[in-house]
C-alpha atoms as a PDB file:
ATOM      1  CA  UNK A   1     -38.586  70.926 -43.990  1.00  0.00           C
ATOM      2  CA  UNK A   2     -39.411  67.992 -41.729  1.00  0.00           C
ATOM      3  CA  UNK A   3     -42.728  66.244 -42.032  1.00  0.00           C
ATOM      4  CA  UNK A   4     -44.839  66.572 -38.909  1.00  0.00           C
ATOM      5  CA  UNK A   5     -46.675  63.440 -37.743  1.00  0.00           C
ATOM      6  CA  UNK A   6     -49.524  64.105 -35.318  1.00  0.00           C
ATOM      7  CA  UNK A   7     -50.480  60.510 -34.505  1.00  0.00           C
ATOM      8  CA  UNK A   8     -48.733  57.389 -33.210  1.00  0.00           C
ATOM      9  CA  UNK A   9     -47.002  55.036 -35.635  1.00  0.00           C
ATOM     10  CA  UNK A  10     -47.410  51.262 -34.983  1.00  0.00           C
ATOM     11  CA  UNK A  11     -44.570  49.475 -36.752  1.00  0.00           C
ATOM     12  CA  UNK A  12     -45.881  46.092 -35.577  1.00  0.00           C
ATOM     13  CA  UNK A  13     -42.502  45.208 -33.919  1.00  0.00           C
ATOM     14  CA  UNK A  14     -40.493  45.941 -37.070  1.00  0.00           C
ATOM     15  CA  UNK A  15     -37.106  47.659 -36.965  1.00  0.00           C
ATOM     16  CA  UNK A  16     -36.360  51.301 -37.571  1.00  0.00           C
ATOM     17  CA  UNK A  17     -33.040  51.073 -39.339  1.00  0.00           C
ATOM     18  CA  UNK A  18     -30.403  53.798 -39.720  1.00  0.00           C
ATOM     19  CA  UNK A  19     -32.342  56.187 -37.448  1.00  0.00           C
ATOM     20  CA  UNK A  20     -30.663  59.369 -36.153  1.00  0.00           C
ATOM     21  CA  UNK A  21     -31.853  60.846 -32.828  1.00  0.00           C
ATOM     22  CA  UNK A  22     -32.686  64.549 -32.870  1.00  0.00           C
ATOM     23  CA  UNK A  23     -29.481  66.630 -32.567  1.00  0.00           C
ATOM     24  CA  UNK A  24     -29.716  69.865 -30.500  1.00  0.00           C
ATOM     25  CA  UNK A  25     -27.244  72.180 -28.829  1.00  0.00           C
ATOM     26  CA  UNK A  26     -29.519  72.351 -25.767  1.00  0.00           C
ATOM     27  CA  UNK A  27     -32.563  70.585 -24.372  1.00  0.00           C
ATOM     28  CA  UNK A  28     -35.828  71.134 -26.290  1.00  0.00           C
ATOM     29  CA  UNK A  29     -38.626  73.117 -24.617  1.00  0.00           C
ATOM     30  CA  UNK A  30     -41.825  71.557 -23.212  1.00  0.00           C
ATOM     31  CA  UNK A  31     -40.486  67.985 -23.148  1.00  0.00           C
ATOM     32  CA  UNK A  32     -42.608  64.974 -22.319  1.00  0.00           C
ATOM     33  CA  UNK A  33     -41.574  61.796 -20.477  1.00  0.00           C
ATOM     34  CA  UNK A  34     -39.639  59.398 -22.709  1.00  0.00           C
ATOM     35  CA  UNK A  35     -38.494  62.118 -25.127  1.00  0.00           C
ATOM     36  CA  UNK A  36     -34.834  61.799 -26.199  1.00  0.00           C
ATOM     37  CA  UNK A  37     -32.287  63.992 -27.934  1.00  0.00           C
ATOM     38  CA  UNK A  38     -28.559  64.104 -28.609  1.00  0.00           C
ATOM     39  CA  UNK A  39     -26.705  67.107 -27.148  1.00  0.00           C
ATOM     40  CA  UNK A  40     -24.203  68.227 -29.764  1.00  0.00           C
ATOM     41  CA  UNK A  41     -22.389  70.442 -27.258  1.00  0.00           C
ATOM     42  CA  UNK A  42     -21.623  67.785 -24.579  1.00  0.00           C
ATOM     43  CA  UNK A  43     -21.922  64.878 -27.013  1.00  0.00           C
ATOM     44  CA  UNK A  44     -24.237  63.026 -24.691  1.00  0.00           C
ATOM     45  CA  UNK A  45     -27.583  61.282 -25.062  1.00  0.00           C
ATOM     46  CA  UNK A  46     -30.458  62.510 -22.846  1.00  0.00           C
ATOM     47  CA  UNK A  47     -33.897  61.173 -21.920  1.00  0.00           C
ATOM     48  CA  UNK A  48     -36.653  63.074 -20.120  1.00  0.00           C
ATOM     49  CA  UNK A  49     -37.940  61.370 -16.986  1.00  0.00           C
ATOM     50  CA  UNK A  50     -41.148  62.862 -15.584  1.00  0.00           C
ATOM     51  CA  UNK A  51     -39.655  66.190 -14.535  1.00  0.00           C
ATOM     52  CA  UNK A  52     -35.979  66.343 -15.557  1.00  0.00           C
ATOM     53  CA  UNK A  53     -33.505  65.347 -18.202  1.00  0.00           C
ATOM     54  CA  UNK A  54     -31.201  62.356 -17.469  1.00  0.00           C
ATOM     55  CA  UNK A  55     -27.746  62.299 -19.020  1.00  0.00           C
ATOM     56  CA  UNK A  56     -27.397  58.621 -19.972  1.00  0.00           C
ATOM     57  CA  UNK A  57     -23.596  58.927 -19.857  1.00  0.00           C
ATOM     58  CA  UNK A  58     -23.735  59.872 -16.163  1.00  0.00           C
ATOM     59  CA  UNK A  59     -26.823  58.042 -14.885  1.00  0.00           C
ATOM     60  CA  UNK A  60     -28.689  59.562 -12.003  1.00  0.00           C
ATOM     61  CA  UNK A  61     -25.692  59.876  -9.596  1.00  0.00           C
ATOM     62  CA  UNK A  62     -25.245  63.564  -8.808  1.00  0.00           C
ATOM     63  CA  UNK A  63     -22.127  63.311  -6.623  1.00  0.00           C
ATOM     64  CA  UNK A  64     -19.765  60.869  -4.889  1.00  0.00           C
ATOM     65  CA  UNK A  65     -18.719  61.740  -1.316  1.00  0.00           C
ATOM     66  CA  UNK A  66     -15.780  59.970   0.417  1.00  0.00           C
ATOM     67  CA  UNK A  67     -16.881  58.247   3.652  1.00  0.00           C
ATOM     68  CA  UNK A  68     -14.994  57.341   6.830  1.00  0.00           C
ATOM     69  CA  UNK A  69     -11.476  56.216   6.108  1.00  0.00           C
ATOM     70  CA  UNK A  70     -11.739  57.320   2.465  1.00  0.00           C
ATOM     71  CA  UNK A  71     -10.651  60.414   0.529  1.00  0.00           C
ATOM     72  CA  UNK A  72     -11.554  61.836  -2.870  1.00  0.00           C
ATOM     73  CA  UNK A  73     -15.003  61.989  -4.533  1.00  0.00           C
ATOM     74  CA  UNK A  74     -16.545  64.519  -6.946  1.00  0.00           C
ATOM     75  CA  UNK A  75     -19.563  65.671  -8.953  1.00  0.00           C
ATOM     76  CA  UNK A  76     -18.691  64.752 -12.551  1.00  0.00           C
ATOM     77  CA  UNK A  77     -16.108  63.267 -14.851  1.00  0.00           C
ATOM     78  CA  UNK A  78     -13.657  60.553 -13.677  1.00  0.00           C
ATOM     79  CA  UNK A  79     -13.917  60.297  -9.898  1.00  0.00           C
ATOM     80  CA  UNK A  80     -11.302  58.600  -7.685  1.00  0.00           C
ATOM     81  CA  UNK A  81     -11.911  57.359  -4.147  1.00  0.00           C
ATOM     82  CA  UNK A  82      -8.792  56.533  -2.076  1.00  0.00           C
ATOM     83  CA  UNK A  83      -8.335  54.440   1.069  1.00  0.00           C
ATOM     84  CA  UNK A  84      -6.937  56.796   3.684  1.00  0.00           C
ATOM     85  CA  UNK A  85      -3.625  55.869   5.318  1.00  0.00           C
ATOM     86  CA  UNK A  86      -3.522  54.753   8.962  1.00  0.00           C
ATOM     87  CA  UNK A  87      -0.667  54.871  11.436  1.00  0.00           C
ATOM     88  CA  UNK A  88       0.258  51.218  10.695  1.00  0.00           C
ATOM     89  CA  UNK A  89       3.679  50.759   9.100  1.00  0.00           C
ATOM     90  CA  UNK A  90       3.616  48.496   6.054  1.00  0.00           C
ATOM     91  CA  UNK A  91       5.525  45.255   6.599  1.00  0.00           C
ATOM     92  CA  UNK A  92       5.385  41.652   7.857  1.00  0.00           C
ATOM     93  CA  UNK A  93       4.452  40.940  11.437  1.00  0.00           C
ATOM     94  CA  UNK A  94       5.056  37.799  13.530  1.00  0.00           C
ATOM     95  CA  UNK A  95       7.978  35.343  13.588  1.00  0.00           C
ATOM     96  CA  UNK A  96       9.092  32.053  15.141  1.00  0.00           C
ATOM     97  CA  UNK A  97       9.457  33.801  18.513  1.00  0.00           C
ATOM     98  CA  UNK A  98       6.851  36.577  18.224  1.00  0.00           C
ATOM     99  CA  UNK A  99       3.140  36.859  17.522  1.00  0.00           C
ATOM    100  CA  UNK A 100       1.508  39.869  15.823  1.00  0.00           C
ATOM    101  CA  UNK A 101      -0.826  42.158  17.795  1.00  0.00           C
ATOM    102  CA  UNK A 102      -3.420  44.174  15.831  1.00  0.00           C
ATOM    103  CA  UNK A 103      -5.988  46.936  16.522  1.00  0.00           C
ATOM    104  CA  UNK A 104      -9.014  47.024  14.191  1.00  0.00           C
ATOM    105  CA  UNK A 105     -11.459  49.980  13.917  1.00  0.00           C
ATOM    106  CA  UNK A 106     -15.191  49.863  13.173  1.00  0.00           C
ATOM    107  CA  UNK A 107     -14.493  49.993   9.422  1.00  0.00           C
ATOM    108  CA  UNK A 108     -12.288  46.895   9.627  1.00  0.00           C
ATOM    109  CA  UNK A 109      -9.027  48.807   9.149  1.00  0.00           C
ATOM    110  CA  UNK A 110      -5.812  47.970  10.982  1.00  0.00           C
ATOM    111  CA  UNK A 111      -5.047  51.084  12.987  1.00  0.00           C
ATOM    112  CA  UNK A 112      -2.167  49.599  14.994  1.00  0.00           C
ATOM    113  CA  UNK A 113       0.204  46.622  14.590  1.00  0.00           C
ATOM    114  CA  UNK A 114       3.117  45.339  16.633  1.00  0.00           C
ATOM    115  CA  UNK A 115       5.158  42.215  17.438  1.00  0.00           C
ATOM    116  CA  UNK A 116       4.807  40.611  20.857  1.00  0.00           C
ATOM    117  CA  UNK A 117       7.543  38.235  22.049  1.00  0.00           C
ATOM    118  CA  UNK A 118       6.406  34.786  23.142  1.00  0.00           C
ATOM    119  CA  UNK A 119       7.821  34.116  26.592  1.00  0.00           C
ATOM    120  CA  UNK A 120       5.817  31.777  28.832  1.00  0.00           C
ATOM    121  CA  UNK A 121       7.821  30.109  31.623  1.00  0.00           C
ATOM    122  CA  UNK A 122       6.924  26.478  32.374  1.00  0.00           C
ATOM    123  CA  UNK A 123       6.168  27.520  35.961  1.00  0.00           C
ATOM    124  CA  UNK A 124       3.353  29.693  34.652  1.00  0.00           C
ATOM    125  CA  UNK A 125       1.606  26.659  33.121  1.00  0.00           C
ATOM    126  CA  UNK A 126      -0.386  24.450  35.469  1.00  0.00           C
ATOM    127  CA  UNK A 127       0.764  20.798  35.342  1.00  0.00           C
ATOM    128  CA  UNK A 128       3.248  21.636  32.586  1.00  0.00           C
ATOM    129  CA  UNK A 129       5.333  18.458  33.022  1.00  0.00           C
ATOM    130  CA  UNK A 130       2.225  16.253  33.153  1.00  0.00           C
ATOM    131  CA  UNK A 131       0.828  17.915  30.054  1.00  0.00           C
ATOM    132  CA  UNK A 132       4.056  17.376  28.108  1.00  0.00           C
ATOM    133  CA  UNK A 133       4.195  13.738  29.184  1.00  0.00           C
ATOM    134  CA  UNK A 134       0.583  13.200  28.136  1.00  0.00           C
ATOM    135  CA  UNK A 135       1.220  14.772  24.738  1.00  0.00           C
ATOM    136  CA  UNK A 136       4.331  12.633  24.201  1.00  0.00           C
ATOM    137  CA  UNK A 137       2.510   9.511  25.326  1.00  0.00           C
ATOM    138  CA  UNK A 138      -0.380  10.178  22.969  1.00  0.00           C
ATOM    139  CA  UNK A 139       1.944  11.162  20.118  1.00  0.00           C
ATOM    140  CA  UNK A 140       3.748   7.798  19.977  1.00  0.00           C
ATOM    141  CA  UNK A 141       1.669   4.756  19.086  1.00  0.00           C
ATOM    142  CA  UNK A 142       2.531   1.218  18.133  1.00  0.00           C
ATOM    143  CA  UNK A 143       1.777  -0.619  14.901  1.00  0.00           C
ATOM    144  CA  UNK A 144      -0.120  -3.897  14.678  1.00  0.00           C
ATOM    145  CA  UNK A 145       2.203  -6.931  14.831  1.00  0.00           C
ATOM    146  CA  UNK A 146       5.283  -4.696  14.571  1.00  0.00           C
ATOM    147  CA  UNK A 147       5.974  -2.387  17.540  1.00  0.00           C
ATOM    148  CA  UNK A 148       4.150  -1.868  20.838  1.00  0.00           C
ATOM    149  CA  UNK A 149       4.083   1.460  22.694  1.00  0.00           C
ATOM    150  CA  UNK A 150       2.929   1.552  26.323  1.00  0.00           C
ATOM    151  CA  UNK A 151       2.595   4.849  28.190  1.00  0.00           C
ATOM    152  CA  UNK A 152       2.523   4.747  32.005  1.00  0.00           C
ATOM    153  CA  UNK A 153       0.875   8.008  33.050  1.00  0.00           C
ATOM    154  CA  UNK A 154       1.623   7.532  36.764  1.00  0.00           C
ATOM    155  CA  UNK A 155       5.325   6.874  36.191  1.00  0.00           C
ATOM    156  CA  UNK A 156       5.618   9.224  33.222  1.00  0.00           C
ATOM    157  CA  UNK A 157       7.361   6.556  31.127  1.00  0.00           C
ATOM    158  CA  UNK A 158       6.953   5.384  27.538  1.00  0.00           C
ATOM    159  CA  UNK A 159       8.010   1.797  26.811  1.00  0.00           C
ATOM    160  CA  UNK A 160       8.595   0.508  23.291  1.00  0.00           C
ATOM    161  CA  UNK A 161       8.696  -3.224  22.610  1.00  0.00           C
ATOM    162  CA  UNK A 162       7.708  -6.073  20.308  1.00  0.00           C
ATOM    163  CA  UNK A 163       4.328  -7.815  20.383  1.00  0.00           C
ATOM    164  CA  UNK A 164       3.964 -11.589  20.807  1.00  0.00           C
ATOM    165  CA  UNK A 165       3.444 -11.940  17.051  1.00  0.00           C
ATOM    166  CA  UNK A 166       5.606  -9.730  14.830  1.00  0.00           C
ATOM    167  CA  UNK A 167       5.008  -9.038  11.139  1.00  0.00           C
ATOM    168  CA  UNK A 168       7.770  -7.388   9.097  1.00  0.00           C
ATOM    169  CA  UNK A 169       6.452  -5.591   6.012  1.00  0.00           C
ATOM    170  CA  UNK A 170       9.280  -5.596   3.464  1.00  0.00           C
ATOM    171  CA  UNK A 171      12.754  -7.144   3.445  1.00  0.00           C
ATOM    172  CA  UNK A 172      14.521  -8.211   6.648  1.00  0.00           C
ATOM    173  CA  UNK A 173      18.310  -8.315   6.833  1.00  0.00           C
ATOM    174  CA  UNK A 174      20.012  -9.869   9.887  1.00  0.00           C
ATOM    175  CA  UNK A 175      23.763  -9.424  10.293  1.00  0.00           C
ATOM    176  CA  UNK A 176      25.567 -11.545  12.863  1.00  0.00           C
ATOM    177  CA  UNK A 177      27.433 -14.739  13.552  1.00  0.00           C
ATOM    178  CA  UNK A 178      24.540 -16.811  14.914  1.00  0.00           C
ATOM    179  CA  UNK A 179      20.792 -16.421  14.344  1.00  0.00           C
ATOM    180  CA  UNK A 180      18.637 -18.408  16.756  1.00  0.00           C
ATOM    181  CA  UNK A 181      14.996 -19.197  15.941  1.00  0.00           C
ATOM    182  CA  UNK A 182      12.967 -20.856  18.692  1.00  0.00           C
ATOM    183  CA  UNK A 183       9.901 -22.080  16.831  1.00  0.00           C
ATOM    184  CA  UNK A 184       8.017 -25.352  16.663  1.00  0.00           C
ATOM    185  CA  UNK A 185       7.356 -25.007  12.931  1.00  0.00           C
ATOM    186  CA  UNK A 186       8.944 -22.705  10.343  1.00  0.00           C
ATOM    187  CA  UNK A 187       6.816 -22.083   7.247  1.00  0.00           C
ATOM    188  CA  UNK A 188       8.511 -20.615   4.151  1.00  0.00           C
ATOM    189  CA  UNK A 189       6.526 -19.599   1.075  1.00  0.00           C
ATOM    190  CA  UNK A 190       9.617 -19.575  -1.150  1.00  0.00           C
ATOM    191  CA  UNK A 191      10.335 -22.919  -2.822  1.00  0.00           C
ATOM    192  CA  UNK A 192      14.113 -22.511  -2.984  1.00  0.00           C
ATOM    193  CA  UNK A 193      16.463 -22.089  -0.020  1.00  0.00           C
ATOM    194  CA  UNK A 194      19.984 -20.775  -0.597  1.00  0.00           C
ATOM    195  CA  UNK A 195      22.770 -21.842   1.767  1.00  0.00           C
ATOM    196  CA  UNK A 196      26.339 -20.591   1.736  1.00  0.00           C
ATOM    197  CA  UNK A 197      25.397 -17.422  -0.147  1.00  0.00           C
ATOM    198  CA  UNK A 198      28.729 -15.660   0.338  1.00  0.00           C
ATOM    199  CA  UNK A 199      30.316 -13.005  -1.844  1.00  0.00           C
ATOM    200  CA  UNK A 200      32.330 -15.546  -3.884  1.00  0.00           C
ATOM    201  CA  UNK A 201      30.805 -19.030  -3.465  1.00  0.00           C
ATOM    202  CA  UNK A 202      32.920 -22.093  -4.348  1.00  0.00           C
ATOM    203  CA  UNK A 203      33.075 -25.811  -3.511  1.00  0.00           C
ATOM    204  CA  UNK A 204      35.526 -24.891  -0.770  1.00  0.00           C
ATOM    205  CA  UNK A 205      33.115 -22.445   0.879  1.00  0.00           C
ATOM    206  CA  UNK A 206      30.323 -25.018   0.426  1.00  0.00           C
ATOM    207  CA  UNK A 207      32.329 -27.800   2.154  1.00  0.00           C
ATOM    208  CA  UNK A 208      30.416 -29.084   5.197  1.00  0.00           C
ATOM    209  CA  UNK A 209      27.273 -27.144   4.349  1.00  0.00           C
ATOM    210  CA  UNK A 210      23.886 -28.791   4.737  1.00  0.00           C
ATOM    211  CA  UNK A 211      21.459 -29.696   7.511  1.00  0.00           C
ATOM    212  CA  UNK A 212      21.945 -30.961  11.041  1.00  0.00           C
ATOM    213  CA  UNK A 213      19.110 -32.501  13.049  1.00  0.00           C
ATOM    214  CA  UNK A 214      19.907 -32.650  16.740  1.00  0.00           C
ATOM    215  CA  UNK A 215      19.282 -35.975  18.470  1.00  0.00           C
ATOM    216  CA  UNK A 216      21.183 -38.407  20.702  1.00  0.00           C
ATOM    217  CA  UNK A 217      23.732 -37.930  17.919  1.00  0.00           C
ATOM    218  CA  UNK A 218      23.688 -35.343  15.155  1.00  0.00           C
ATOM    219  CA  UNK A 219      21.780 -36.471  12.057  1.00  0.00           C
ATOM    220  CA  UNK A 220      23.505 -34.719   9.161  1.00  0.00           C
ATOM    221  CA  UNK A 221      23.118 -34.300   5.439  1.00  0.00           C
ATOM    222  CA  UNK A 222      26.139 -32.384   4.202  1.00  0.00           C
ATOM    223  CA  UNK A 223      28.159 -31.544   1.110  1.00  0.00           C
ATOM    224  CA  UNK A 224      31.705 -32.959   1.389  1.00  0.00           C
ATOM    225  CA  UNK A 225      34.138 -31.296  -0.972  1.00  0.00           C
ATOM    226  CA  UNK A 226      36.801 -34.042  -0.778  1.00  0.00           C
ATOM    227  CA  UNK A 227      34.331 -36.682  -2.049  1.00  0.00           C
ATOM    228  CA  UNK A 228      32.445 -34.233  -4.256  1.00  0.00           C
ATOM    229  CA  UNK A 229      29.188 -35.641  -2.918  1.00  0.00           C
ATOM    230  CA  UNK A 230      26.275 -35.153  -0.582  1.00  0.00           C
ATOM    231  CA  UNK A 231      26.806 -37.351   2.467  1.00  0.00           C
ATOM    232  CA  UNK A 232      24.185 -38.577   4.918  1.00  0.00           C
ATOM    233  CA  UNK A 233      25.059 -39.785   8.394  1.00  0.00           C
ATOM    234  CA  UNK A 234      21.890 -41.911   8.540  1.00  0.00           C
ATOM    235  CA  UNK A 235      19.963 -44.498   6.527  1.00  0.00           C
ATOM    236  CA  UNK A 236      17.619 -43.401   3.748  1.00  0.00           C
ATOM    237  CA  UNK A 237      14.383 -45.368   3.728  1.00  0.00           C
ATOM    238  CA  UNK A 238      12.111 -44.971   0.706  1.00  0.00           C
ATOM    239  CA  UNK A 239       8.368 -45.291   1.243  1.00  0.00           C
ATOM    240  CA  UNK A 240       6.553 -48.136  -0.469  1.00  0.00           C
ATOM    241  CA  UNK A 241       6.001 -47.447  -4.150  1.00  0.00           C
ATOM    242  CA  UNK A 242       8.863 -44.940  -4.364  1.00  0.00           C
ATOM    243  CA  UNK A 243      12.065 -45.437  -6.387  1.00  0.00           C
ATOM    244  CA  UNK A 244      15.726 -44.615  -6.139  1.00  0.00           C
ATOM    245  CA  UNK A 245      17.060 -43.348  -9.449  1.00  0.00           C
ATOM    246  CA  UNK A 246      20.474 -42.497 -10.850  1.00  0.00           C
ATOM    247  CA  UNK A 247      20.461 -40.147 -13.826  1.00  0.00           C
ATOM    248  CA  UNK A 248      16.773 -40.919 -14.311  1.00  0.00           C
ATOM    249  CA  UNK A 249      17.233 -44.695 -14.214  1.00  0.00           C
ATOM    250  CA  UNK A 250      15.396 -46.565 -11.468  1.00  0.00           C
ATOM    251  CA  UNK A 251      17.773 -48.645  -9.346  1.00  0.00           C
ATOM    252  CA  UNK A 252      16.964 -52.227  -8.281  1.00  0.00           C
ATOM    253  CA  UNK A 253      14.969 -52.719  -5.135  1.00  0.00           C
ATOM    254  CA  UNK A 254      14.501 -55.832  -3.029  1.00  0.00           C
ATOM    255  CA  UNK A 255      11.400 -57.280  -1.382  1.00  0.00           C
ATOM    256  CA  UNK A 256      11.609 -60.463   0.722  1.00  0.00           C
ATOM    257  CA  UNK A 257       9.280 -62.437   2.975  1.00  0.00           C
ATOM    258  CA  UNK A 258       8.623 -65.941   4.333  1.00  0.00           C
ATOM    259  CA  UNK A 259       5.929 -68.004   2.603  1.00  0.00           C
ATOM    260  CA  UNK A 260       4.013 -71.216   3.375  1.00  0.00           C
ATOM    261  CA  UNK A 261       0.997 -72.011   5.560  1.00  0.00           C
ATOM    262  CA  UNK A 262       0.841 -75.860   5.306  1.00  0.00           C
ATOM    263  CA  UNK A 263      -2.292 -75.812   3.056  1.00  0.00           C
ATOM    264  CA  UNK A 264      -1.889 -73.505   0.013  1.00  0.00           C
ATOM    265  CA  UNK A 265       0.023 -74.699  -3.021  1.00  0.00           C
ATOM    266  CA  UNK A 266      -0.371 -71.365  -4.871  1.00  0.00           C
ATOM    267  CA  UNK A 267       0.906 -68.382  -2.884  1.00  0.00           C
ATOM    268  CA  UNK A 268       0.551 -64.752  -4.064  1.00  0.00           C
ATOM    269  CA  UNK A 269       3.356 -62.358  -3.060  1.00  0.00           C
ATOM    270  CA  UNK A 270       2.929 -58.604  -3.488  1.00  0.00           C
ATOM    271  CA  UNK A 271       6.115 -56.613  -4.156  1.00  0.00           C
ATOM    272  CA  UNK A 272       4.800 -53.233  -5.467  1.00  0.00           C
ATOM    273  CA  UNK A 273       7.860 -52.731  -7.670  1.00  0.00           C
ATOM    274  CA  UNK A 274       5.687 -51.646 -10.591  1.00  0.00           C
ATOM    275  CA  UNK A 275       7.317 -53.868 -13.160  1.00  0.00           C
ATOM    276  CA  UNK A 276       7.217 -57.368 -14.652  1.00  0.00           C
ATOM    277  CA  UNK A 277      11.009 -57.232 -14.952  1.00  0.00           C
ATOM    278  CA  UNK A 278      11.725 -58.822 -11.588  1.00  0.00           C
ATOM    279  CA  UNK A 279      13.999 -61.662 -10.448  1.00  0.00           C
ATOM    280  CA  UNK A 280      12.357 -64.157  -8.084  1.00  0.00           C
ATOM    281  CA  UNK A 281      14.453 -66.435  -5.871  1.00  0.00           C
ATOM    282  CA  UNK A 282      12.955 -69.010  -3.435  1.00  0.00           C
ATOM    283  CA  UNK A 283      15.071 -70.861  -0.874  1.00  0.00           C
ATOM    284  CA  UNK A 284      14.560 -73.117   2.113  1.00  0.00           C
ATOM    285  CA  UNK A 285      14.374 -70.967   5.235  1.00  0.00           C
ATOM    286  CA  UNK A 286      16.204 -73.617   7.266  1.00  0.00           C
ATOM    287  CA  UNK A 287      18.788 -75.155   4.918  1.00  0.00           C
ATOM    288  CA  UNK A 288      19.216 -72.008   2.821  1.00  0.00           C
ATOM    289  CA  UNK A 289      19.157 -74.173  -0.315  1.00  0.00           C
ATOM    290  CA  UNK A 290      17.440 -72.869  -3.452  1.00  0.00           C
ATOM    291  CA  UNK A 291      13.984 -74.171  -4.207  1.00  0.00           C
ATOM    292  CA  UNK A 292      12.554 -74.426  -7.691  1.00  0.00           C
ATOM    293  CA  UNK A 293       8.828 -73.690  -8.111  1.00  0.00           C
ATOM    294  CA  UNK A 294       6.567 -72.221 -10.761  1.00  0.00           C
ATOM    295  CA  UNK A 295       6.661 -68.403 -10.825  1.00  0.00           C
ATOM    296  CA  UNK A 296       3.793 -66.477 -12.473  1.00  0.00           C
ATOM    297  CA  UNK A 297       4.156 -62.688 -12.819  1.00  0.00           C
ATOM    298  CA  UNK A 298       0.473 -62.060 -12.284  1.00  0.00           C
ATOM    299  CA  UNK A 299       0.834 -58.237 -12.392  1.00  0.00           C
ATOM    300  CA  UNK A 300       3.501 -55.557 -12.278  1.00  0.00           C
ATOM    301  CA  UNK A 301       3.190 -55.527  -8.497  1.00  0.00           C
ATOM    302  CA  UNK A 302       2.731 -59.242  -7.615  1.00  0.00           C
ATOM    303  CA  UNK A 303       3.882 -62.777  -8.412  1.00  0.00           C
ATOM    304  CA  UNK A 304       2.288 -66.143  -7.663  1.00  0.00           C
ATOM    305  CA  UNK A 305       4.425 -69.085  -6.484  1.00  0.00           C
ATOM    306  CA  UNK A 306       3.029 -72.580  -7.209  1.00  0.00           C
ATOM    307  CA  UNK A 307       4.283 -75.728  -5.429  1.00  0.00           C
ATOM    308  CA  UNK A 308       3.368 -79.376  -6.020  1.00  0.00           C
ATOM    309  CA  UNK A 309       3.020 -79.838  -2.265  1.00  0.00           C
ATOM    310  CA  UNK A 310       1.908 -77.121   0.114  1.00  0.00           C
ATOM    311  CA  UNK A 311       4.979 -75.864   2.024  1.00  0.00           C
ATOM    312  CA  UNK A 312       4.829 -75.826   5.808  1.00  0.00           C
ATOM    313  CA  UNK A 313       4.335 -72.546   7.668  1.00  0.00           C
ATOM    314  CA  UNK A 314       7.136 -70.107   6.727  1.00  0.00           C
ATOM    315  CA  UNK A 315       9.140 -72.994   5.319  1.00  0.00           C
ATOM    316  CA  UNK A 316      10.459 -71.019   2.378  1.00  0.00           C
ATOM    317  CA  UNK A 317      11.720 -67.488   1.892  1.00  0.00           C
ATOM    318  CA  UNK A 318      11.142 -65.553  -1.362  1.00  0.00           C
ATOM    319  CA  UNK A 319      13.376 -62.693  -2.550  1.00  0.00           C
ATOM    320  CA  UNK A 320      12.176 -60.404  -5.363  1.00  0.00           C
ATOM    321  CA  UNK A 321      14.523 -57.920  -6.983  1.00  0.00           C
ATOM    322  CA  UNK A 322      13.398 -55.425  -9.620  1.00  0.00           C
END
């Protein structure tokens, strides 16, 4: 026999473990709100709410009724609600030459669908030609320093051209017999220029290659295959302080000038040859006979000539080779 408890039990928030709810084949009589039991016939758990028992497996929904555009529904168990079919045929609508046309009801369903062919004659469009020209003119644009695009709305023409200053992004290949460049100055970042870059270069293909500067006569610097040498049509004048070398060896250079002022017996002559190893020759400017004087190599770039008597103005000529 079960023990009857006639007062509340305060478990002070402790657990009731391994508890079994009252099992009955039907609802108990005289229930109070919050009372629960397990129905052994329907195998469902019930709780009493104010005035009726609530089956916790079903909630408080008593029935499901299908609304507009729906079918199905029910009172208990597994209930299915279906979307009712419309008169629209399942398929794809619209194409490259047709647009779809739809009818939608208040529930958002497609109740009709069809394909409508696109056929608008140009005569039905106001200013069709002008509109097409404007679209084409706006569609094509130039690029900075590369291509210009000018649209003349009045004439309906689009002109493509080159700007005053052109920049080529990437490699540029020019095929032709003659390439003409009309520029005051050509600036090249590369430090090596290749000439005669043919498929199979040889001394024969290189013959005559080089540079030509146009003047009263052509000033040329060319490779001549028969002499196996670079050949210049003009003089080569080295700036002061510069050297001409063969296989790394500086070649002799000559400096000459007239000396004598009628008062100085010691005359300094600057040659800027950068060496003490110089030959100094003094001769009479009139008779062309050699003159012997003291020569002092005062630096690598100058010598001093000393005479017992001051030579007259420009009386002697000195030649320095080094």
